[in-house]
């Protein structure tokens, strides 16, 4: 077996492990049945599916030797990367949304005057 095929199989194992982490985080997510918790669970399951599909694509790539052949392999990898980017953007937006109330709570009196001795 070629070195690149072995590397693809190890890479696939990594994607499957990450997929399992997201899946179990979604299954065992605490927090009740709020809309935010349901949305987070859906996001975890979507990421688990995308990472598993990315792992499958690496197994197929280890057999074909190319990530762009057959054409649908490239389409599958592209779809997975788009899901990863979407999740990253949503994560960043959530961080900014949580940071905004903290910044709004600061008043002028809370901020130290740098010109004062």
N, C-alpha and C. Protein backbone atom coordinates (compact mmCIF):
# COMPACT_ATOMS: atom_id res chain seq x y z
N UNK A 1 0.85 -1.18 0.00
CA UNK A 1 0.00 0.00 0.00
C UNK A 1 0.90 1.25 0.00
N UNK A 2 0.53 2.24 -0.79
CA UNK A 2 1.33 3.46 -0.93
C UNK A 2 1.24 4.31 0.34
N UNK A 3 2.23 5.14 0.53
CA UNK A 3 2.29 6.01 1.72
C UNK A 3 1.12 6.98 1.74
N UNK A 4 0.76 7.54 0.59
CA UNK A 4 -0.35 8.49 0.58
C UNK A 4 -1.68 7.81 0.91
N UNK A 5 -1.84 6.56 0.52
CA UNK A 5 -3.06 5.83 0.86
C UNK A 5 -3.13 5.55 2.36
N UNK A 6 -1.99 5.21 2.95
CA UNK A 6 -1.94 4.98 4.40
C UNK A 6 -2.25 6.27 5.15
N UNK A 7 -1.67 7.38 4.67
CA UNK A 7 -1.94 8.68 5.29
C UNK A 7 -3.42 9.03 5.21
N UNK A 8 -4.06 8.76 4.06
CA UNK A 8 -5.49 9.04 3.92
C UNK A 8 -6.32 8.20 4.88
N UNK A 9 -5.91 6.98 5.13
CA UNK A 9 -6.65 6.13 6.07
C UNK A 9 -6.49 6.64 7.51
N UNK A 10 -5.29 7.09 7.87
CA UNK A 10 -5.11 7.69 9.19
C UNK A 10 -5.92 8.98 9.32
N UNK A 11 -5.93 9.75 8.26
CA UNK A 11 -6.71 10.98 8.25
C UNK A 11 -8.20 10.67 8.40
N UNK A 12 -8.65 9.64 7.72
CA UNK A 12 -10.06 9.23 7.84
C UNK A 12 -10.38 8.83 9.27
N UNK A 13 -9.46 8.13 9.92
CA UNK A 13 -9.68 7.74 11.33
C UNK A 13 -9.82 8.98 12.21
N UNK A 14 -9.02 10.01 11.93
CA UNK A 14 -9.12 11.26 12.69
C UNK A 14 -10.49 11.89 12.49
N UNK A 15 -10.97 11.96 11.24
CA UNK A 15 -12.29 12.55 10.98
C UNK A 15 -13.40 11.74 11.64
N UNK A 16 -13.28 10.43 11.65
CA UNK A 16 -14.29 9.60 12.32
C UNK A 16 -14.28 9.84 13.83
N UNK A 17 -13.11 10.02 14.41
CA UNK A 17 -13.02 10.30 15.85
C UNK A 17 -13.64 11.65 16.17
N UNK A 18 -13.37 12.66 15.35
CA UNK A 18 -13.99 13.97 15.58
C UNK A 18 -15.50 13.87 15.41
N UNK A 19 -15.93 13.11 14.44
CA UNK A 19 -17.37 12.89 14.24
C UNK A 19 -18.01 12.27 15.48
N UNK A 20 -17.34 11.29 16.07
CA UNK A 20 -17.88 10.64 17.28
C UNK A 20 -17.97 11.63 18.43
N UNK A 21 -16.99 12.52 18.55
CA UNK A 21 -17.03 13.52 19.62
C UNK A 21 -18.25 14.43 19.45
N UNK A 22 -18.47 14.94 18.23
CA UNK A 22 -19.63 15.80 18.00
C UNK A 22 -20.93 15.04 18.21
N UNK A 23 -20.98 13.77 17.78
CA UNK A 23 -22.20 12.99 17.96
C UNK A 23 -22.53 12.82 19.44
N UNK A 24 -21.54 12.42 20.23
CA UNK A 24 -21.81 12.20 21.65
C UNK A 24 -22.06 13.51 22.39
N UNK A 25 -21.44 14.60 21.95
CA UNK A 25 -21.76 15.91 22.54
C UNK A 25 -23.22 16.27 22.27
N UNK A 26 -23.69 15.93 21.08
CA UNK A 26 -25.09 16.19 20.75
C UNK A 26 -26.04 15.30 21.53
N UNK A 27 -25.68 14.05 21.70
CA UNK A 27 -26.56 13.11 22.43
C UNK A 27 -26.64 13.46 23.90
N UNK A 28 -25.50 13.77 24.50
CA UNK A 28 -25.48 13.99 25.94
C UNK A 28 -25.50 15.47 26.32
N UNK A 29 -25.95 16.31 25.42
CA UNK A 29 -26.00 17.75 25.69
C UNK A 29 -27.05 18.03 26.75
N UNK A 30 -26.60 18.61 27.85
CA UNK A 30 -27.51 18.98 28.94
C UNK A 30 -28.12 20.34 28.65
N UNK A 31 -29.12 20.71 29.39
CA UNK A 31 -29.68 22.05 29.25
C UNK A 31 -31.16 22.09 28.97
N UNK A 32 -31.83 20.96 29.03
CA UNK A 32 -33.27 20.97 28.84
C UNK A 32 -33.66 21.01 27.38
N UNK A 33 -34.86 21.52 27.14
CA UNK A 33 -35.44 21.52 25.80
C UNK A 33 -35.62 22.92 25.25
N UNK A 34 -34.76 23.85 25.64
CA UNK A 34 -34.87 25.21 25.12
C UNK A 34 -34.56 25.22 23.63
N UNK A 35 -34.99 26.28 22.98
CA UNK A 35 -34.75 26.40 21.54
C UNK A 35 -33.26 26.46 21.25
N UNK A 36 -32.51 27.12 22.12
CA UNK A 36 -31.06 27.22 21.92
C UNK A 36 -30.39 25.85 22.04
N UNK A 37 -30.83 25.05 23.00
CA UNK A 37 -30.26 23.71 23.18
C UNK A 37 -30.59 22.82 21.99
N UNK A 38 -31.83 22.88 21.51
CA UNK A 38 -32.20 22.08 20.33
C UNK A 38 -31.39 22.49 19.11
N UNK A 39 -31.19 23.79 18.94
CA UNK A 39 -30.39 24.28 17.82
C UNK A 39 -28.95 23.81 17.93
N UNK A 40 -28.41 23.84 19.13
CA UNK A 40 -27.03 23.39 19.34
C UNK A 40 -26.91 21.89 19.08
N UNK A 41 -27.90 21.13 19.50
CA UNK A 41 -27.87 19.68 19.23
C UNK A 41 -27.91 19.40 17.74
N UNK A 42 -28.78 20.12 17.02
CA UNK A 42 -28.84 19.94 15.56
C UNK A 42 -27.49 20.26 14.92
N UNK A 43 -26.86 21.33 15.41
CA UNK A 43 -25.55 21.72 14.88
C UNK A 43 -24.52 20.61 15.15
N UNK A 44 -24.55 20.03 16.34
CA UNK A 44 -23.61 18.95 16.67
C UNK A 44 -23.83 17.74 15.77
N UNK A 45 -25.08 17.37 15.53
CA UNK A 45 -25.37 16.21 14.67
C UNK A 45 -24.99 16.50 13.22
N UNK A 46 -25.21 17.74 12.77
CA UNK A 46 -24.82 18.10 11.41
C UNK A 46 -23.30 18.02 11.25
N UNK A 47 -22.57 18.52 12.24
CA UNK A 47 -21.11 18.44 12.20
C UNK A 47 -20.63 16.98 12.27
N UNK A 48 -21.30 16.18 13.09
CA UNK A 48 -20.94 14.75 13.16
C UNK A 48 -21.11 14.09 11.80
N UNK A 49 -22.22 14.37 11.13
CA UNK A 49 -22.46 13.79 9.80
C UNK A 49 -21.43 14.29 8.79
N UNK A 50 -21.12 15.58 8.84
CA UNK A 50 -20.16 16.15 7.89
C UNK A 50 -18.76 15.57 8.10
N UNK A 51 -18.34 15.44 9.36
CA UNK A 51 -17.01 14.86 9.61
C UNK A 51 -16.98 13.38 9.22
N UNK A 52 -18.07 12.66 9.45
CA UNK A 52 -18.11 11.25 9.03
C UNK A 52 -18.05 11.15 7.51
N UNK A 53 -18.78 12.01 6.81
CA UNK A 53 -18.74 12.01 5.34
C UNK A 53 -17.34 12.37 4.84
N UNK A 54 -16.68 13.29 5.53
CA UNK A 54 -15.32 13.66 5.15
C UNK A 54 -14.38 12.47 5.36
N UNK A 55 -14.61 11.70 6.42
CA UNK A 55 -13.82 10.48 6.64
C UNK A 55 -14.04 9.46 5.54
N UNK A 56 -15.29 9.29 5.14
CA UNK A 56 -15.61 8.37 4.05
C UNK A 56 -14.92 8.83 2.77
N UNK A 57 -14.93 10.14 2.54
CA UNK A 57 -14.28 10.66 1.33
C UNK A 57 -12.78 10.38 1.34
N UNK A 58 -12.15 10.40 2.52
CA UNK A 58 -10.73 10.06 2.58
C UNK A 58 -10.48 8.58 2.35
N UNK A 59 -11.39 7.74 2.79
CA UNK A 59 -11.26 6.30 2.50
C UNK A 59 -11.36 6.08 0.99
N UNK A 60 -12.32 6.74 0.35
CA UNK A 60 -12.45 6.62 -1.10
C UNK A 60 -11.22 7.18 -1.80
N UNK A 61 -10.72 8.31 -1.29
CA UNK A 61 -9.51 8.91 -1.87
C UNK A 61 -8.30 7.98 -1.76
N UNK A 62 -8.24 7.20 -0.69
CA UNK A 62 -7.11 6.27 -0.55
C UNK A 62 -7.17 5.18 -1.63
N UNK A 63 -8.36 4.90 -2.13
CA UNK A 63 -8.51 3.89 -3.19
C UNK A 63 -8.27 4.48 -4.58
N UNK A 64 -8.79 5.73 -4.79
CA UNK A 64 -8.69 6.33 -6.13
C UNK A 64 -7.36 7.05 -6.34
N UNK A 65 -6.76 7.53 -5.26
CA UNK A 65 -5.49 8.24 -5.38
C UNK A 65 -5.62 9.71 -5.67
N UNK A 66 -6.82 10.21 -5.82
CA UNK A 66 -7.01 11.64 -6.12
C UNK A 66 -8.26 12.14 -5.41
N UNK A 67 -8.19 13.37 -4.90
CA UNK A 67 -9.34 13.93 -4.20
C UNK A 67 -10.33 14.57 -5.17
N UNK A 68 -10.00 14.70 -6.43
CA UNK A 68 -10.88 15.32 -7.41
C UNK A 68 -11.52 14.32 -8.37
N UNK A 69 -11.12 13.04 -8.26
CA UNK A 69 -11.70 12.01 -9.12
C UNK A 69 -12.28 10.90 -8.28
N UNK A 70 -13.44 10.44 -8.49
CA UNK A 70 -14.47 10.92 -9.41
C UNK A 70 -14.99 12.29 -9.01
N UNK A 71 -15.73 12.93 -9.89
CA UNK A 71 -16.17 14.31 -9.69
C UNK A 71 -17.00 14.46 -8.42
N UNK A 72 -17.79 13.46 -8.09
CA UNK A 72 -18.67 13.57 -6.93
C UNK A 72 -17.88 13.53 -5.62
N UNK A 73 -16.66 13.01 -5.66
CA UNK A 73 -15.81 13.03 -4.46
C UNK A 73 -15.41 14.47 -4.13
N UNK A 74 -15.06 15.22 -5.15
CA UNK A 74 -14.76 16.64 -4.96
C UNK A 74 -16.01 17.39 -4.46
N UNK A 75 -17.17 17.05 -5.01
CA UNK A 75 -18.42 17.70 -4.58
C UNK A 75 -18.71 17.36 -3.11
N UNK A 76 -18.47 16.13 -2.71
CA UNK A 76 -18.69 15.73 -1.32
C UNK A 76 -17.75 16.48 -0.39
N UNK A 77 -16.48 16.54 -0.74
CA UNK A 77 -15.51 17.26 0.09
C UNK A 77 -15.87 18.75 0.18
N UNK A 78 -16.29 19.33 -0.92
CA UNK A 78 -16.68 20.74 -0.92
C UNK A 78 -17.88 20.98 -0.02
N UNK A 79 -18.87 20.11 -0.08
CA UNK A 79 -20.05 20.25 0.78
C UNK A 79 -19.66 20.14 2.25
N UNK A 80 -18.77 19.23 2.57
CA UNK A 80 -18.32 19.08 3.97
C UNK A 80 -17.61 20.34 4.45
N UNK A 81 -16.73 20.88 3.62
CA UNK A 81 -16.00 22.09 4.00
C UNK A 81 -16.96 23.25 4.19
N UNK A 82 -17.99 23.34 3.36
CA UNK A 82 -18.99 24.40 3.53
C UNK A 82 -19.73 24.27 4.85
N UNK A 83 -20.03 23.05 5.26
CA UNK A 83 -20.67 22.83 6.57
C UNK A 83 -19.72 23.25 7.69
N UNK A 84 -18.44 22.92 7.57
CA UNK A 84 -17.47 23.32 8.59
C UNK A 84 -17.37 24.84 8.69
N UNK A 85 -17.31 25.51 7.55
CA UNK A 85 -17.24 26.98 7.55
C UNK A 85 -18.50 27.61 8.13
N UNK A 86 -19.65 27.06 7.80
CA UNK A 86 -20.92 27.56 8.35
C UNK A 86 -20.93 27.44 9.87
N UNK A 87 -20.49 26.30 10.37
CA UNK A 87 -20.45 26.10 11.82
C UNK A 87 -19.47 27.06 12.48
N UNK A 88 -18.33 27.28 11.83
CA UNK A 88 -17.34 28.21 12.38
C UNK A 88 -17.91 29.62 12.43
N UNK A 89 -18.57 30.06 11.37
CA UNK A 89 -19.15 31.41 11.35
C UNK A 89 -20.23 31.55 12.41
N UNK A 90 -21.05 30.52 12.58
CA UNK A 90 -22.09 30.57 13.62
C UNK A 90 -21.48 30.60 15.01
N UNK A 91 -20.40 29.86 15.20
CA UNK A 91 -19.70 29.87 16.49
C UNK A 91 -19.15 31.26 16.78
N UNK A 92 -18.50 31.87 15.79
CA UNK A 92 -17.95 33.22 15.97
C UNK A 92 -19.05 34.24 16.24
N UNK A 93 -20.17 34.12 15.55
CA UNK A 93 -21.28 35.04 15.78
C UNK A 93 -21.83 34.87 17.19
N UNK A 94 -21.89 33.65 17.68
CA UNK A 94 -22.34 33.41 19.05
C UNK A 94 -21.39 34.00 20.07
N UNK A 95 -20.09 33.91 19.81
CA UNK A 95 -19.11 34.51 20.72
C UNK A 95 -19.28 36.02 20.77
N UNK A 96 -19.47 36.64 19.60
CA UNK A 96 -19.65 38.08 19.57
C UNK A 96 -20.94 38.50 20.26
N UNK A 97 -21.99 37.71 20.10
CA UNK A 97 -23.27 38.04 20.73
C UNK A 97 -23.17 37.95 22.25
N UNK A 98 -22.41 36.98 22.74
CA UNK A 98 -22.24 36.87 24.20
C UNK A 98 -21.34 37.96 24.74
N UNK A 99 -20.43 38.45 23.93
CA UNK A 99 -19.50 39.48 24.37
C UNK A 99 -20.17 40.86 24.39
N UNK A 100 -21.14 41.12 23.56
CA UNK A 100 -21.80 42.43 23.47
C UNK A 100 -22.44 42.87 24.78
N UNK A 101 -23.21 42.03 25.47
CA UNK A 101 -23.81 42.50 26.74
C UNK A 101 -22.76 42.90 27.78
N UNK A 102 -21.64 42.21 27.80
CA UNK A 102 -20.58 42.55 28.75
C UNK A 102 -20.02 43.93 28.43
N UNK A 103 -19.82 44.22 27.15
CA UNK A 103 -19.29 45.52 26.75
C UNK A 103 -20.30 46.62 27.02
N UNK A 104 -21.59 46.33 26.83
CA UNK A 104 -22.62 47.33 27.06
C UNK A 104 -22.77 47.64 28.54
N UNK A 105 -22.41 46.70 29.40
CA UNK A 105 -22.54 46.91 30.84
C UNK A 105 -21.50 47.89 31.36
N UNK A 106 -20.41 48.06 30.65
CA UNK A 106 -19.38 49.01 31.07
C UNK A 106 -19.89 50.44 30.87
N UNK A 107 -19.65 51.25 31.85
CA UNK A 107 -20.00 52.67 31.73
C UNK A 107 -18.73 53.48 31.73
N UNK A 108 -18.86 54.77 31.53
CA UNK A 108 -17.67 55.63 31.53
C UNK A 108 -16.97 55.61 32.87
N UNK A 109 -17.71 55.46 33.95
CA UNK A 109 -17.08 55.43 35.26
C UNK A 109 -16.26 54.16 35.47
N UNK A 110 -16.67 53.08 34.82
CA UNK A 110 -15.96 51.81 34.96
C UNK A 110 -14.62 51.82 34.23
N UNK A 111 -14.52 52.64 33.20
CA UNK A 111 -13.30 52.68 32.40
C UNK A 111 -12.34 53.67 33.06
N UNK A 112 -11.14 53.22 33.32
CA UNK A 112 -10.14 54.06 33.99
C UNK A 112 -9.71 55.17 33.06
N UNK A 113 -9.66 56.36 33.58
CA UNK A 113 -9.21 57.51 32.80
C UNK A 113 -7.70 57.44 32.69
N UNK A 114 -7.21 57.26 31.46
CA UNK A 114 -5.77 57.10 31.25
C UNK A 114 -5.01 58.40 31.49
N UNK A 115 -5.68 59.56 31.39
CA UNK A 115 -4.98 60.82 31.56
C UNK A 115 -4.80 61.20 33.04
N UNK A 116 -5.54 60.52 33.92
CA UNK A 116 -5.43 60.82 35.36
C UNK A 116 -4.13 60.25 35.90
N UNK A 117 -3.53 60.96 36.89
CA UNK A 117 -2.26 60.47 37.46
C UNK A 117 -2.42 59.25 38.32
